[in-house]
Protein backbone atom coordinates (compact mmCIF):
# COMPACT_ATOMS: atom_id res chain seq x y z
CA MET A 1 -37.96 -61.28 -37.92
CA PHE A 2 -37.25 -65.00 -37.70
CA ALA A 3 -33.66 -64.38 -38.83
CA ARG A 4 -33.10 -61.82 -36.07
CA LEU A 5 -34.52 -64.14 -33.43
CA SER A 6 -32.39 -67.00 -34.73
CA ALA A 7 -29.26 -64.84 -34.67
CA LYS A 8 -29.96 -63.69 -31.11
CA PHE A 9 -30.58 -67.27 -30.04
CA LEU A 10 -27.29 -68.43 -31.59
CA VAL A 11 -25.37 -65.62 -29.89
CA LEU A 12 -27.00 -66.55 -26.56
CA VAL A 13 -26.07 -70.22 -27.03
CA ALA A 14 -22.50 -69.30 -27.94
CA ALA A 15 -22.20 -67.05 -24.87
CA ALA A 16 -23.58 -69.79 -22.62
CA ALA A 17 -21.10 -72.29 -24.09
CA LEU A 18 -18.19 -69.89 -23.53
CA VAL A 19 -19.19 -69.34 -19.91
CA PHE A 20 -19.71 -73.07 -19.33
CA PHE A 21 -16.35 -74.11 -20.76
CA GLY A 22 -14.54 -71.09 -19.28
CA VAL A 23 -15.68 -71.94 -15.76
CA GLY A 24 -14.85 -75.59 -16.35
CA LEU A 25 -11.33 -74.77 -17.53
CA LEU A 26 -10.77 -72.42 -14.59
CA GLY A 27 -11.83 -75.19 -12.24
CA LEU A 28 -9.55 -77.67 -13.98
CA ALA A 29 -6.62 -75.25 -13.77
CA LEU A 30 -7.21 -74.70 -10.06
CA ALA A 31 -7.48 -78.43 -9.46
CA GLU A 32 -4.26 -79.12 -11.36
CA THR A 33 -2.36 -76.60 -9.27
CA LEU A 34 -3.65 -78.18 -6.05
CA VAL A 35 -2.84 -81.79 -7.04
CA ALA A 36 0.74 -81.49 -5.77
CA HIS A 37 -0.43 -80.49 -2.29
CA PHE A 38 -3.63 -82.50 -1.76
CA GLY A 39 -3.56 -85.33 -4.30
CA ALA A 40 -6.02 -85.72 -7.17
CA ALA A 41 -9.16 -86.45 -5.15
CA GLY A 42 -8.46 -83.74 -2.56
CA ALA A 43 -7.72 -81.16 -5.24
CA TYR A 44 -10.94 -81.91 -7.11
CA ALA A 45 -12.95 -81.82 -3.90
CA LEU A 46 -11.41 -78.53 -2.81
CA THR A 47 -11.93 -76.99 -6.26
CA GLY A 48 -15.56 -78.10 -6.30
CA GLY A 49 -16.08 -76.67 -2.83
CA VAL A 50 -14.54 -73.34 -3.80
CA MET A 51 -16.70 -73.09 -6.91
CA LEU A 52 -19.83 -74.05 -4.96
CA LEU A 53 -19.08 -71.45 -2.28
CA LEU A 54 -18.66 -68.78 -4.96
CA VAL A 55 -22.09 -69.57 -6.40
CA LEU A 56 -23.72 -69.68 -2.96
CA ALA A 57 -22.10 -66.36 -2.04
CA GLY A 58 -23.48 -64.84 -5.25
CA PHE A 59 -26.97 -66.08 -4.40
CA GLY A 60 -26.62 -64.66 -0.89
CA VAL A 61 -25.56 -61.23 -2.15
CA ASN A 62 -28.41 -61.29 -4.67
CA ALA A 63 -30.93 -62.13 -1.95
CA MET A 64 -29.63 -59.37 0.30
CA MET A 65 -29.78 -56.73 -2.45
CA ARG A 66 -33.34 -57.56 -3.53
CA PRO A 67 -35.90 -55.13 -2.10
CA ARG A 68 -38.46 -56.63 0.24
CA ARG A 69 -42.05 -57.03 -0.86
CA PRO A 70 -44.41 -54.41 0.50
CA LEU A 71 -46.93 -55.61 3.04
CA PRO A 72 -50.37 -56.39 1.60
CA PRO A 73 -53.01 -53.78 2.32
CA PRO A 74 -55.40 -54.58 5.17
CA PRO A 75 -58.85 -55.90 4.24
CA ALA A 76 -61.36 -53.25 3.27
CA ASN A 77 -64.02 -54.28 5.77
CA PHE A 78 -64.65 -56.58 8.71
CA ALA A 79 -66.59 -59.17 6.68
CA THR A 80 -63.63 -59.77 4.37
CA LEU A 81 -61.31 -60.12 7.36
CA LEU A 82 -63.67 -62.57 9.06
CA MET A 83 -64.20 -64.69 5.94
CA GLY A 84 -60.45 -64.78 5.26
CA ALA A 85 -59.72 -66.01 8.78
CA LEU A 86 -62.44 -68.65 8.47
CA ALA A 87 -61.15 -69.77 5.07
CA LYS A 88 -57.67 -70.38 6.48
CA ASP A 89 -59.00 -72.81 9.09
CA VAL A 90 -61.73 -74.60 7.13
CA PRO A 91 -60.97 -75.17 3.40
CA TRP A 92 -64.55 -75.85 2.30
CA ALA A 93 -65.58 -72.61 3.94
CA ALA A 94 -63.33 -70.75 1.51
CA VAL A 95 -65.50 -71.75 -1.42
CA ALA A 96 -68.75 -71.04 0.41
CA SER A 97 -67.55 -67.69 1.76
CA ALA A 98 -66.32 -66.60 -1.67
CA GLY A 99 -69.74 -67.36 -3.12
CA VAL A 100 -71.56 -65.52 -0.35
CA LEU A 101 -69.30 -62.48 -0.63
CA LYS A 102 -69.80 -62.34 -4.40
CA LEU A 103 -73.56 -62.48 -4.01
CA VAL A 104 -73.48 -59.70 -1.41
CA ASP A 105 -71.23 -57.63 -3.68
CA VAL A 106 -73.58 -58.09 -6.64
CA PHE A 107 -76.58 -57.17 -4.48
CA LEU A 108 -74.87 -54.04 -3.12
CA LYS A 109 -73.81 -52.89 -6.59
CA ARG A 110 -77.37 -53.33 -7.82
CA GLN A 111 -78.68 -51.29 -4.90
CA ARG A 112 -76.17 -48.50 -5.57
CA ALA A 113 -77.11 -48.39 -9.25
CA LYS A 114 -80.82 -47.98 -8.43
CA SER A 115 -80.38 -45.19 -5.90
CA PRO A 116 -80.35 -41.67 -7.44
CA ASN A 117 -77.79 -40.38 -4.87
């Protein structure tokens, strides 16, 4: 098992190194072709900008393709809604309201367990 994990890790490292150096060499080749037109500093700046824009465009496409999160369900009862609104405004009330709601929940469960209905 350890040998398989080690082999997969080494393949992953080798693939990452190939991508890293491949992108670097592509950038260097693009910069070298632009040196004649823009000079060394301009070519490197333009190449860096092009590569940055490609990455940002990829992130933008990825963000647009991702499905949106579904809306959270509404609170089950009015007390939960009221305590949640109070907890947003007053932080210490969040702790107190959570304790009170838990006690009420425990009490209601105990009452339901005792009733034969």
